Protein backbone atom coordinates (compact mmCIF):
# COMPACT_ATOMS: atom_id res chain seq x y z
CA MET A 1 15.14 -2.94 16.29
CA PRO A 2 13.27 -4.26 19.36
CA VAL A 3 11.82 -0.77 19.91
CA PHE A 4 10.61 -0.69 16.29
CA ILE A 5 8.93 -4.06 16.84
CA MET A 6 7.34 -2.82 20.08
CA ILE A 7 5.93 0.19 18.23
CA SER A 8 4.44 -2.12 15.58
CA GLY A 9 2.89 -4.28 18.29
CA ALA A 10 1.44 -1.24 20.07
CA ILE A 11 -0.30 -0.21 16.85
CA PHE A 12 -1.29 -3.45 15.13
CA LEU A 13 -2.47 -5.32 18.23
CA ASN A 14 -4.64 -2.44 19.42
CA PRO A 15 -8.31 -3.48 19.00
CA ASP A 16 -9.17 0.12 18.09
CA PHE A 17 -6.84 -0.01 15.10
CA ASP A 18 -8.71 -0.82 11.88
CA LEU A 19 -7.01 -3.91 10.48
CA SER A 20 -9.25 -5.77 8.06
CA TRP A 21 -7.93 -8.76 6.14
CA GLU A 22 -7.88 -6.70 2.95
CA LYS A 23 -5.94 -3.89 4.61
CA LEU A 24 -3.48 -6.30 6.17
CA PHE A 25 -2.61 -8.07 2.92
CA LYS A 26 -3.09 -5.36 0.29
CA LYS A 27 -1.62 -2.41 2.18
CA TYR A 28 0.84 -3.55 4.82
CA LEU A 29 2.12 -6.93 3.64
CA ARG A 30 2.20 -5.81 0.01
CA ARG A 31 4.35 -2.83 0.94
CA ILE A 32 6.78 -5.00 2.92
CA ILE A 33 7.10 -7.64 0.18
CA VAL A 34 7.54 -5.13 -2.66
CA SER A 35 10.13 -3.12 -0.70
CA TYR A 36 12.01 -6.29 0.21
CA LEU A 37 12.22 -7.60 -3.36
CA ILE A 38 13.22 -4.26 -4.88
CA TRP A 39 15.83 -3.41 -2.25
CA GLN A 40 17.24 -6.93 -2.42
CA LEU A 41 17.94 -6.32 -6.11
CA ILE A 42 19.32 -2.83 -5.41
CA TYR A 43 21.74 -3.98 -2.73
CA CYS A 44 22.83 -7.12 -4.55
CA GLY A 45 23.49 -5.06 -7.70
CA TRP A 46 25.34 -2.44 -5.68
CA TYR A 47 27.39 -5.12 -3.91
CA TYR A 48 28.39 -6.67 -7.23
CA PHE A 49 29.08 -3.56 -9.31
CA ALA A 50 30.15 -0.96 -6.73
CA LYS A 51 31.91 -3.13 -4.16
CA GLY A 52 33.24 -5.70 -6.61
CA GLY A 53 31.51 -8.66 -4.98
CA ASP A 54 31.50 -12.15 -6.43
CA LEU A 55 28.47 -13.83 -7.98
CA VAL A 56 28.38 -16.65 -5.43
CA THR A 57 27.98 -14.20 -2.55
CA VAL A 58 25.40 -12.21 -4.52
CA ALA A 59 23.43 -15.43 -5.09
CA LYS A 60 23.54 -16.16 -1.35
CA PHE A 61 22.20 -12.68 -0.61
CA LEU A 62 19.39 -13.13 -3.16
CA ILE A 63 18.36 -16.44 -1.66
CA GLY A 64 18.60 -15.12 1.87
CA SER A 65 18.60 -11.46 2.90
CA TYR A 66 21.15 -8.76 2.29
CA ASP A 67 22.47 -7.57 5.64
CA HIS A 68 19.84 -5.34 7.33
CA LEU A 69 16.98 -6.42 5.03
CA TRP A 70 16.31 -9.42 7.31
CA TYR A 71 13.98 -7.11 9.22
CA LEU A 72 11.40 -7.02 6.41
CA PRO A 73 10.56 -10.76 6.20
CA MET A 74 10.65 -10.89 10.00
CA ILE A 75 8.07 -8.10 10.41
CA ALA A 76 6.02 -9.63 7.58
CA GLY A 77 5.87 -12.85 9.61
CA LEU A 78 4.60 -10.93 12.63
CA TYR A 79 1.97 -9.24 10.46
CA LEU A 80 0.81 -12.67 9.22
CA VAL A 81 0.15 -13.92 12.76
CA THR A 82 -1.32 -10.61 13.97
CA PRO A 83 -4.96 -11.78 13.44
CA LEU A 84 -4.18 -14.68 15.79
CA LEU A 85 -2.42 -12.51 18.38
CA ARG A 86 -5.00 -9.69 18.55
CA PRO A 87 -7.66 -11.75 20.43
CA LEU A 88 -4.94 -12.99 22.81
CA ALA A 89 -3.65 -9.47 23.45
CA ARG A 90 -7.14 -8.28 24.48
CA ARG A 91 -7.24 -10.77 27.36
CA ARG A 92 -4.90 -9.37 29.99
CA GLN A 93 -4.36 -12.63 31.88
CA GLN A 94 -3.48 -14.59 28.73
CA LEU A 95 -1.30 -11.73 27.53
CA GLU A 96 0.67 -11.65 30.78
CA TYR A 97 1.05 -15.44 30.66
CA TYR A 98 2.41 -15.16 27.11
CA LEU A 99 4.88 -12.46 28.19
CA LEU A 100 5.93 -14.53 31.21
CA LEU A 101 6.76 -17.49 28.97
CA SER A 102 8.56 -15.21 26.54
CA GLN A 103 10.58 -13.60 29.29
CA LEU A 104 11.65 -17.00 30.60
CA PHE A 105 12.30 -18.92 27.38
CA ALA A 106 13.16 -16.17 24.88
CA TRP A 107 15.35 -13.95 27.08
CA LEU A 108 16.26 -15.13 30.59
CA LEU A 109 17.28 -18.72 29.87
CA PRO A 110 19.16 -17.94 26.62
CA THR A 111 21.07 -15.14 28.35
CA GLY A 112 21.92 -17.33 31.31
CA LEU A 113 23.08 -20.15 29.03
CA ASP A 114 25.18 -17.73 26.98
CA LEU A 115 26.88 -16.41 30.11
CA ILE A 116 27.69 -19.95 31.25
CA ARG A 117 28.98 -20.87 27.78
CA LEU A 118 31.15 -17.76 27.52
CA TRP A 119 32.50 -17.92 31.07
CA PRO A 120 36.32 -18.19 31.01
CA ASN A 121 37.66 -21.72 31.60
CA PRO A 122 34.41 -23.36 32.77
CA PRO A 123 34.69 -26.83 34.38
CA LYS A 124 34.04 -29.72 31.99
CA HIS A 125 31.04 -30.97 33.96
CA MET A 126 29.47 -27.51 33.58
CA ALA A 127 29.86 -27.67 29.79
CA ASP A 128 28.30 -31.16 29.74
CA ALA A 129 25.38 -30.02 31.90
CA LEU A 130 24.89 -27.00 29.65
CA ALA A 131 24.73 -29.18 26.54
CA ALA A 132 22.19 -31.49 28.18
CA PHE A 133 20.01 -28.60 29.31
CA LYS A 134 20.08 -27.08 25.80
CA ARG A 135 18.88 -30.40 24.37
CA LEU A 136 16.03 -30.41 26.90
CA LEU A 137 14.98 -26.88 25.94
CA GLY A 138 15.09 -27.90 22.29
CA LYS A 139 12.63 -30.71 22.99
CA LEU A 140 10.18 -28.25 24.56
CA ASP A 141 10.07 -26.41 21.19
CA LEU A 142 8.21 -23.33 22.49
CA GLN A 143 8.49 -21.42 19.20
CA THR A 144 5.18 -19.63 19.78
CA VAL A 145 6.68 -17.47 22.53
CA MET A 146 10.19 -17.29 21.11
CA GLY A 147 11.81 -14.87 18.69
CA PHE A 148 10.42 -11.40 18.22
CA GLY A 149 6.83 -12.21 19.16
CA GLY A 150 7.60 -11.29 22.76
CA TYR A 151 8.73 -7.79 21.77
CA TYR A 152 5.63 -7.44 19.58
CA MET A 153 3.26 -8.34 22.42
CA ALA A 154 5.25 -6.34 24.98
CA GLY A 155 4.80 -3.22 22.85
CA TYR A 156 1.02 -3.51 23.10
CA TYR A 157 1.19 -4.35 26.81
CA PHE A 158 3.38 -1.34 27.62
CA ASN A 159 1.24 0.90 25.41
CA GLN A 160 -1.78 0.09 27.56
CA ALA A 161 0.05 1.05 30.76
CA HIS A 162 -0.61 4.80 30.25
CA MET A 163 2.33 5.87 32.34
CA SER A 164 3.12 9.44 33.26
CA LYS A 165 6.57 10.97 33.69
CA ARG A 166 6.19 10.72 37.47
CA ASN A 167 5.08 7.09 37.58
CA LEU A 168 7.23 5.11 40.03
CA TYR A 169 6.92 2.00 37.87
CA LEU A 170 8.41 3.98 34.97
CA TYR A 171 11.36 5.02 37.14
CA PHE A 172 11.85 1.38 38.08
CA VAL A 173 11.85 0.25 34.43
CA GLN A 174 14.24 3.08 33.50
CA ALA A 175 16.59 2.03 36.31
CA LEU A 176 16.47 -1.55 35.00
CA GLY A 177 17.23 -0.23 31.51
CA LEU A 178 20.34 1.56 32.78
CA LEU A 179 21.32 -1.59 34.66
CA GLY A 180 20.86 -3.64 31.49
CA ALA A 181 23.00 -1.22 29.48
CA GLY A 182 25.72 -1.29 32.12
CA ALA A 183 25.65 -5.10 32.27
CA THR A 184 25.79 -5.40 28.49
CA ILE A 185 28.79 -3.07 28.19
CA GLY A 186 30.60 -4.24 31.33
CA LEU A 187 30.17 -7.99 30.89
CA SER A 188 30.94 -7.82 27.16
CA GLY A 189 34.13 -5.89 27.87
CA TRP A 190 35.17 -8.32 30.60
CA LEU A 191 34.42 -11.41 28.50
CA THR A 192 36.27 -9.87 25.55
CA ALA A 193 39.34 -9.18 27.71
CA LYS A 194 39.30 -12.73 29.09
CA ALA A 195 38.79 -14.36 25.70
CA GLY A 196 41.29 -12.17 23.85
CA HIS A 197 38.81 -11.49 21.03
CA LEU A 198 35.53 -9.64 20.61
CA ARG A 199 32.50 -11.06 22.45
CA LEU A 200 29.23 -9.42 21.41
CA THR A 201 26.75 -12.18 22.30
CA LEU A 202 25.09 -10.05 25.01
CA TYR A 203 24.22 -7.43 22.39
CA SER A 204 21.93 -9.90 20.59
CA TYR A 205 18.18 -9.26 20.51
CA ASN A 206 17.43 -12.30 22.68
CA SER A 207 19.62 -10.92 25.47
CA PHE A 208 17.70 -10.22 28.65
CA PHE A 209 19.76 -7.06 29.11
CA VAL A 210 18.68 -5.79 25.67
CA LEU A 211 15.06 -6.47 26.67
CA LEU A 212 15.52 -4.26 29.75
CA GLU A 213 17.09 -1.49 27.67
CA SER A 214 14.42 -1.68 24.96
CA SER A 215 11.56 -1.60 27.46
CA ALA A 216 13.02 1.45 29.16
CA VAL A 217 13.49 3.28 25.85
CA PHE A 218 9.97 2.43 24.64
CA LEU A 219 8.26 3.53 27.85
CA SER A 220 10.40 6.69 28.11
CA LEU A 221 9.55 7.73 24.55
CA GLN A 222 5.89 6.97 25.22
CA THR A 223 5.76 9.60 27.98
CA LEU A 224 7.30 12.36 25.87
CA LYS A 225 5.03 15.15 24.69
CA PRO A 226 6.55 16.50 21.45
CA ARG A 227 5.20 20.03 21.85
CA LEU A 228 8.17 21.52 20.01
CA TRP A 229 7.33 19.47 16.92
CA SER A 230 4.43 20.25 14.65
CA GLU A 231 2.15 17.50 13.36
CA GLU A 232 3.56 18.15 9.89
CA VAL A 233 7.17 17.60 11.00
CA LEU A 234 6.27 14.47 12.96
CA GLY A 235 4.30 13.14 10.00
CA GLU A 236 7.24 13.73 7.67
CA LEU A 237 9.65 11.95 10.03
CA ALA A 238 7.27 9.03 10.55
CA GLY A 239 6.70 8.67 6.81
CA SER A 240 10.46 8.71 6.18
CA ALA A 241 11.48 6.17 8.85
CA MET A 242 11.11 3.12 6.60
CA GLY A 243 13.10 4.74 3.79
CA ILE A 244 15.87 5.84 6.15
CA TYR A 245 16.20 2.30 7.43
CA LEU A 246 16.37 0.85 3.91
CA LEU A 247 18.85 3.45 2.66
CA HIS A 248 21.21 4.14 5.55
CA PRO A 249 23.82 1.36 4.90
CA LEU A 250 24.66 3.03 1.58
CA LEU A 251 25.29 6.31 3.39
CA ILE A 252 27.42 4.55 6.01
CA TYR A 253 29.52 3.02 3.22
CA TYR A 254 30.09 6.24 1.29
CA TRP A 255 30.62 8.47 4.34
CA GLY A 256 33.13 5.82 5.43
CA LYS A 257 35.34 6.87 2.52
CA THR A 258 35.53 10.49 3.66
CA PRO A 259 37.77 12.25 6.23
CA VAL A 260 34.68 12.71 8.42
CA TRP A 261 34.64 8.98 9.13
CA GLN A 262 38.34 8.88 9.90
CA LEU A 263 37.88 11.76 12.33
CA ALA A 264 35.14 9.87 14.18
CA ALA A 265 37.19 6.67 14.13
CA SER A 266 40.15 8.38 15.76
CA ASN A 267 38.10 10.37 18.29
CA SER A 268 34.92 8.85 19.74
CA ALA A 269 33.67 12.32 20.70
CA TRP A 270 32.85 12.84 17.02
CA LEU A 271 30.67 9.71 16.80
CA PRO A 272 27.38 11.49 17.67
CA GLY A 273 28.11 13.98 14.90
CA LEU A 274 28.68 11.12 12.46
CA VAL A 275 25.38 9.54 13.49
CA ILE A 276 23.56 12.84 12.93
CA LEU A 277 25.29 13.24 9.56
CA ILE A 278 24.23 9.78 8.35
CA PHE A 279 20.69 10.28 9.62
CA SER A 280 20.25 13.75 8.13
CA SER A 281 21.72 12.77 4.74
CA SER A 282 19.50 9.67 4.64
CA LEU A 283 16.48 11.80 5.56
CA ALA A 284 17.30 14.33 2.84
CA ILE A 285 17.48 11.65 0.13
CA VAL A 286 14.28 9.98 1.35
CA TRP A 287 12.54 13.37 1.39
CA LEU A 288 13.45 13.84 -2.27
CA LEU A 289 12.31 10.32 -3.17
CA ARG A 290 8.98 10.93 -1.47
CA ARG A 291 8.32 13.90 -3.73
CA SER A 292 7.85 11.40 -6.57
CA ARG A 293 4.70 9.30 -6.24
CA PHE A 294 6.18 6.57 -8.44
CA LEU A 295 9.47 6.28 -6.50
CA ALA A 296 7.72 6.53 -3.14
CA ARG A 297 5.33 3.73 -4.09
CA TRP A 298 7.98 1.29 -5.21
CA LEU A 299 10.97 2.18 -3.06
CA LEU A 300 9.52 3.35 0.24
């Protein structure tokens, strides 16, 4: 998800990208809002009729967001503030200051505080100091640089770097990404073993380690030259990405009832195959939906 947000930032914050007020509201925000409302109804209906859910839970989903659909109102919020962020992104010094604040208050400090909070058997004075420091951070209330705005701005910043495959800075970021992945897996496993139950806090999007991983993935993909893919194939994949995201939980659910899922569950070597299966089946359904102008307009 952070990489998706970075891609959006790289596009929408670019001063060369035509983004009039009319285009922003009538094309992009309209599409997000319509998709959100329709898929909320689809998933809530599916949850109630297919999964046998109760009406109270369905009502909670309708008021809030069903599972993965949280992404749509979040990205709509970033689109709303894009006209304010575009002038800031064009000024490199202000942009770097924004990213510095984001790195400190949206990723580094929260990750450090989470590690202290999750540390096995911490001294009582440490817990008291942690609570006091959290109250202090709350009083600062730096919401402008918190949340997903940092990823959004970082996408534009990295997109302007124009790195090549042999850029030493790219190698450094990729090394940090591998370090972040190793820290996420290793520390989460260690904290889980110590606690006796699953600890996935370091997998959250405000984890500094996830930031390192996401930056490495974004910059690595940016340097790829898809010569093996035609413009037509790339266009089809790009146009299907939104639909795949909206649809894929249904495919996960129904493939989960087949022997294929049980095979992957019992042998992790089959997991990549399961991922490819869910992706390809989602893509096939979205491809069919896109053949209908009516369905594509309202569902995708």
